[in-house]
Amino acid sequence: MATTFTQPLRVAVFGATGKIGQHVVNQLLAAGHSVTAYVRNAAKLTTVHPDLNIVEGELDQPPAITRALEGADAVISALGPALRRGAAGTPVTNGTRNIVDAMRAAGVHRYIGLATPAVADPRDRPTLQAKLFRLMPRLAFPNALVEIDGMTRAVTSSDLDWTIARIISPNDRPATGVIRSGFLGRDKVGTAMSRADIAAFLVSQLTTERYRRMAPVISN
């Protein structure tokens, strides 16, 4: 069942100290929403705002995750896997499962997160580009691909009201305000995208059902 919101919202943000997560926090606050940022180290989040609450914890600490979800209307996750060839284990996958479990227990239904086109959406068409998006991370960052697959399945196999934005090449350029979204082989989407615009897309999904239970590719 779709989640319908009235403004302003109370949003729990995971990955809030990352490059995209900080944009998400700041844009939510600028739009008048209340934010609970779940962080490993509060000192890394430099934003100060009366509507910002910070909860410290790890992704393998369900009680702390539960505290972050108290009173939340929705979750935005800017979590992503480590892009190191030597990375091992599945901490982000396991952490995402903990978030999903805590959301279900707390009655929080709306989840907005990130992945890459290495994860397919049923609306994609089989193209050479789609195959390359899957092959490249398998060769370069095999553990990251395992993590992306796992964290995505943790969400898409649940009964949450989810949207997952697939990104390809984020950068730190200024926001353009131009956002393309769609599916491989069907829609005109590019590769590069500013992190500020990625955050803007994630925030915008709080008040639309256009991509409910879908994983669009987004770009500038």
Foldseek 3Di string as FASTA:
>chain_A
DDDADDPDFEEEEEPCLDPLNVLLVVVSVVVPHAYEYEEQDPVSNPDDDPRYHYQHDFLPDLVSLLVSCVRGQAYEYADADDQDQPDDDQRLLSSLLSNVVSCVVNVHFEYEYEAALLDAWPVADDDPVSVCSVPVCCVRHVRRSVNRVRSVCSPLVDRGFYEYEHAAAEDADDADPDKDKDHHPPGDADHYAYSSVVSVVRVVVVRDSPQGSTYIYMHD
